[in-house]
Protein backbone atom coordinates (compact mmCIF):
# COMPACT_ATOMS: atom_id res chain seq x y z
CA UNK A 1 -0.24 -0.09 -0.18
CA UNK A 2 1.70 3.04 -1.32
CA UNK A 3 -0.31 5.87 0.58
CA UNK A 4 2.99 8.83 0.10
CA UNK A 5 6.12 9.25 -1.46
CA UNK A 6 8.94 7.48 0.25
CA UNK A 7 11.33 9.45 2.50
CA UNK A 8 13.93 8.95 5.18
CA UNK A 9 12.11 9.12 8.87
CA UNK A 10 9.13 7.30 7.77
CA UNK A 11 8.27 3.86 9.40
CA UNK A 12 7.85 0.84 7.24
CA UNK A 13 5.23 -1.44 9.02
CA UNK A 14 5.55 -5.12 7.97
CA UNK A 15 2.25 -6.25 6.35
CA UNK A 16 0.62 -9.13 8.39
CA UNK A 17 1.37 -11.48 5.34
CA UNK A 18 5.16 -11.54 6.12
CA UNK A 19 4.95 -14.90 7.87
CA UNK A 20 8.12 -17.09 8.28
CA UNK A 21 10.48 -14.45 7.87
CA UNK A 22 12.59 -14.01 10.97
CA UNK A 23 13.93 -10.51 10.35
CA UNK A 24 10.67 -9.00 8.89
CA UNK A 25 7.80 -10.72 10.32
CA UNK A 26 5.84 -8.29 12.39
CA UNK A 27 8.64 -5.33 12.03
CA UNK A 28 8.59 -1.80 12.32
CA UNK A 29 11.57 -0.19 10.52
CA UNK A 30 12.67 3.32 10.54
CA UNK A 31 13.79 4.54 7.11
CA UNK A 32 17.13 6.19 7.97
CA UNK A 33 17.99 6.93 4.07
CA UNK A 34 16.02 7.23 0.80
CA UNK A 35 17.64 7.92 -2.69
CA UNK A 36 17.73 6.74 -6.27
CA UNK A 37 20.53 4.55 -5.54
CA UNK A 38 18.52 2.48 -2.62
CA UNK A 39 17.56 2.66 0.96
CA UNK A 40 18.81 1.87 4.54
CA UNK A 41 16.58 1.27 7.74
CA UNK A 42 16.40 0.08 11.07
CA UNK A 43 14.26 -2.71 12.52
CA UNK A 44 13.01 -0.85 15.98
CA UNK A 45 11.17 -3.78 17.33
CA UNK A 46 13.60 -6.84 17.43
CA UNK A 47 15.83 -6.81 20.49
CA UNK A 48 18.36 -9.22 20.85
CA UNK A 49 20.00 -10.96 23.90
CA UNK A 50 22.96 -8.91 24.00
CA UNK A 51 23.69 -5.43 25.76
CA UNK A 52 26.48 -3.31 24.45
CA UNK A 53 28.55 -4.28 27.16
CA UNK A 54 28.50 -7.72 25.81
CA UNK A 55 30.00 -6.48 22.78
CA UNK A 56 32.08 -3.91 23.68
CA UNK A 57 33.30 -4.36 27.38
CA UNK A 58 34.70 -0.94 27.50
CA UNK A 59 31.35 0.24 27.71
CA UNK A 60 29.94 0.35 30.98
CA UNK A 61 26.30 0.26 30.36
CA UNK A 62 23.80 -2.27 29.56
CA UNK A 63 21.90 -0.88 26.70
CA UNK A 64 20.00 -3.55 24.67
CA UNK A 65 21.33 -4.45 21.06
CA UNK A 66 18.62 -4.75 18.52
CA UNK A 67 18.63 -6.69 15.20
CA UNK A 68 18.93 -3.82 12.67
CA UNK A 69 18.45 -6.00 9.89
CA UNK A 70 19.74 -8.87 7.67
CA UNK A 71 22.88 -6.79 5.96
CA UNK A 72 26.37 -6.59 7.60
CA UNK A 73 25.15 -8.21 11.10
CA UNK A 74 28.61 -7.95 12.26
CA UNK A 75 28.55 -4.24 12.26
CA UNK A 76 27.29 -2.20 15.06
CA UNK A 77 25.19 0.87 14.11
CA UNK A 78 22.97 3.49 16.01
CA UNK A 79 20.49 6.28 16.22
CA UNK A 80 20.16 8.75 18.81
CA UNK A 81 18.31 11.94 19.89
CA UNK A 82 21.47 14.12 21.10
CA UNK A 83 23.45 15.49 18.23
CA UNK A 84 24.69 18.60 20.61
CA UNK A 85 26.56 15.36 22.26
CA UNK A 86 27.34 13.29 19.64
CA UNK A 87 29.43 15.02 16.95
CA UNK A 88 29.44 14.20 12.98
CA UNK A 89 25.77 12.59 13.10
CA UNK A 90 23.41 12.71 10.32
CA UNK A 91 20.21 13.71 10.82
CA UNK A 92 17.28 11.34 9.74
CA UNK A 93 14.27 13.44 10.56
CA UNK A 94 12.20 14.66 13.52
CA UNK A 95 15.33 15.07 15.91
CA UNK A 96 16.51 11.44 15.29
CA UNK A 97 19.98 11.17 14.08
CA UNK A 98 22.26 8.34 12.67
CA UNK A 99 25.89 7.57 13.68
CA UNK A 100 28.27 10.12 14.70
CA UNK A 101 32.07 10.03 16.67
CA UNK A 102 31.79 6.61 17.97
CA UNK A 103 34.98 7.04 20.27
CA UNK A 104 33.14 10.52 21.86
CA UNK A 105 29.85 8.03 22.30
CA UNK A 106 31.78 5.83 24.21
CA UNK A 107 32.98 8.03 26.31
CA UNK A 108 29.77 9.80 26.88
CA UNK A 109 28.05 6.54 27.72
CA UNK A 110 30.62 5.88 30.27
CA UNK A 111 30.34 9.16 31.86
CA UNK A 112 26.65 8.53 32.27
CA UNK A 113 25.63 11.53 29.70
CA UNK A 114 23.88 9.43 27.50
CA UNK A 115 20.84 7.30 28.69
CA UNK A 116 19.24 4.32 26.73
CA UNK A 117 16.42 6.55 26.15
CA UNK A 118 18.53 8.86 23.86
CA UNK A 119 20.43 6.05 21.93
CA UNK A 120 19.61 2.50 20.23
CA UNK A 121 22.36 0.18 18.90
CA UNK A 122 21.65 -2.10 16.11
CA UNK A 123 23.63 -5.18 14.60
CA UNK A 124 23.19 -4.82 11.04
CA UNK A 125 20.70 -2.86 8.97
CA UNK A 126 18.03 -3.27 6.52
CA UNK A 127 18.97 -2.42 2.82
CA UNK A 128 17.22 -2.04 -0.46
CA UNK A 129 18.74 -1.57 -3.96
CA UNK A 130 17.56 1.23 -6.44
CA UNK A 131 13.71 0.56 -6.52
CA UNK A 132 13.78 -2.62 -4.65
CA UNK A 133 11.62 -0.96 -1.97
CA UNK A 134 9.40 0.36 -4.32
CA UNK A 135 9.01 -3.13 -5.82
CA UNK A 136 8.30 -4.51 -2.31
CA UNK A 137 5.61 -1.96 -1.82
CA UNK A 138 3.87 -2.57 -4.85
CA UNK A 139 3.65 -6.42 -3.77
CA UNK A 140 1.89 -5.03 -0.44
CA UNK A 141 5.00 -6.00 1.53
CA UNK A 142 5.19 -2.81 3.68
CA UNK A 143 2.99 -0.07 4.84
CA UNK A 144 4.55 3.28 4.77
CA UNK A 145 3.48 5.68 7.95
CA UNK A 146 4.70 8.78 9.07
CA UNK A 147 6.70 8.82 12.40
CA UNK A 148 4.29 10.28 14.71
CA UNK A 149 6.45 9.66 17.68
CA UNK A 150 9.32 11.62 16.27
CA UNK A 151 12.39 11.47 18.61
CA UNK A 152 10.37 9.83 21.56
CA UNK A 153 10.41 6.48 19.27
CA UNK A 154 13.63 5.40 21.00
CA UNK A 155 11.44 4.95 24.37
CA UNK A 156 8.98 2.88 22.49
CA UNK A 157 8.43 -0.57 23.65
CA UNK A 158 9.50 -3.19 21.19
CA UNK A 159 7.20 -6.15 21.98
CA UNK A 160 4.05 -4.42 21.37
CA UNK A 161 5.16 -1.66 18.76
CA UNK A 162 4.02 -3.61 15.62
CA UNK A 163 0.71 -4.35 17.10
CA UNK A 164 0.41 -0.65 18.14
CA UNK A 165 1.03 0.62 14.53
CA UNK A 166 -1.43 -2.16 13.13
CA UNK A 167 -4.17 -1.08 15.33
CA UNK A 168 -3.44 2.54 14.41
CA UNK A 169 -4.19 1.77 10.95
CA UNK A 170 -7.72 0.61 11.78
CA UNK A 171 -9.98 -1.24 9.18
CA UNK A 172 -8.86 -4.82 8.21
CA UNK A 173 -5.87 -4.60 10.09
CA UNK A 174 -7.68 -4.74 13.71
CA UNK A 175 -8.09 -8.47 13.28
CA UNK A 176 -4.17 -9.13 12.81
CA UNK A 177 -3.19 -7.12 15.84
CA UNK A 178 -4.41 -10.09 18.45
CA UNK A 179 -3.62 -12.70 15.93
CA UNK A 180 -0.64 -15.42 17.04
CA UNK A 181 2.70 -14.30 15.30
CA UNK A 182 2.58 -17.80 13.64
CA UNK A 183 -0.87 -18.60 12.73
CA UNK A 184 -0.29 -22.64 12.81
CA UNK A 185 0.02 -22.13 16.55
CA UNK A 186 -3.54 -20.73 16.73
């Protein structure tokens, strides 16, 4: 369902019909970049069983790590709401920023100047080649919505986020909000 032009900062909500795909089933993706060459996004609602300290022992914090997507899962990425502290970051939209000076970020976390409400870490990202995302939209794999949470999106509960977004759509989507993740288990 293409209801508006794709642009960075929007959310992609996985259609209920995406079943069995571990990365994208019931995913909510923040579109971090969209150009003629392709698109990049981060899955917001798939926490992993790791913390930042598990991956980088020099960081003295227990911020959750999220599965950002199936591409480059051996790389760590982050989005945040504090460009005044983390230099060299790129604005996605609505007060949400991508990346920045990682050495500075580690120091700020260890100094207690960055909290889990200000930053989210991801292993990997979701990527699409030129026109690939548009093709998936035409195949009704995704629903585009605005990020009406703006920078507060980092504090959204990950386990109910997809359900919340589906309920906001209303209509035929309401029935899917309470359906089991795997319909075979119904």
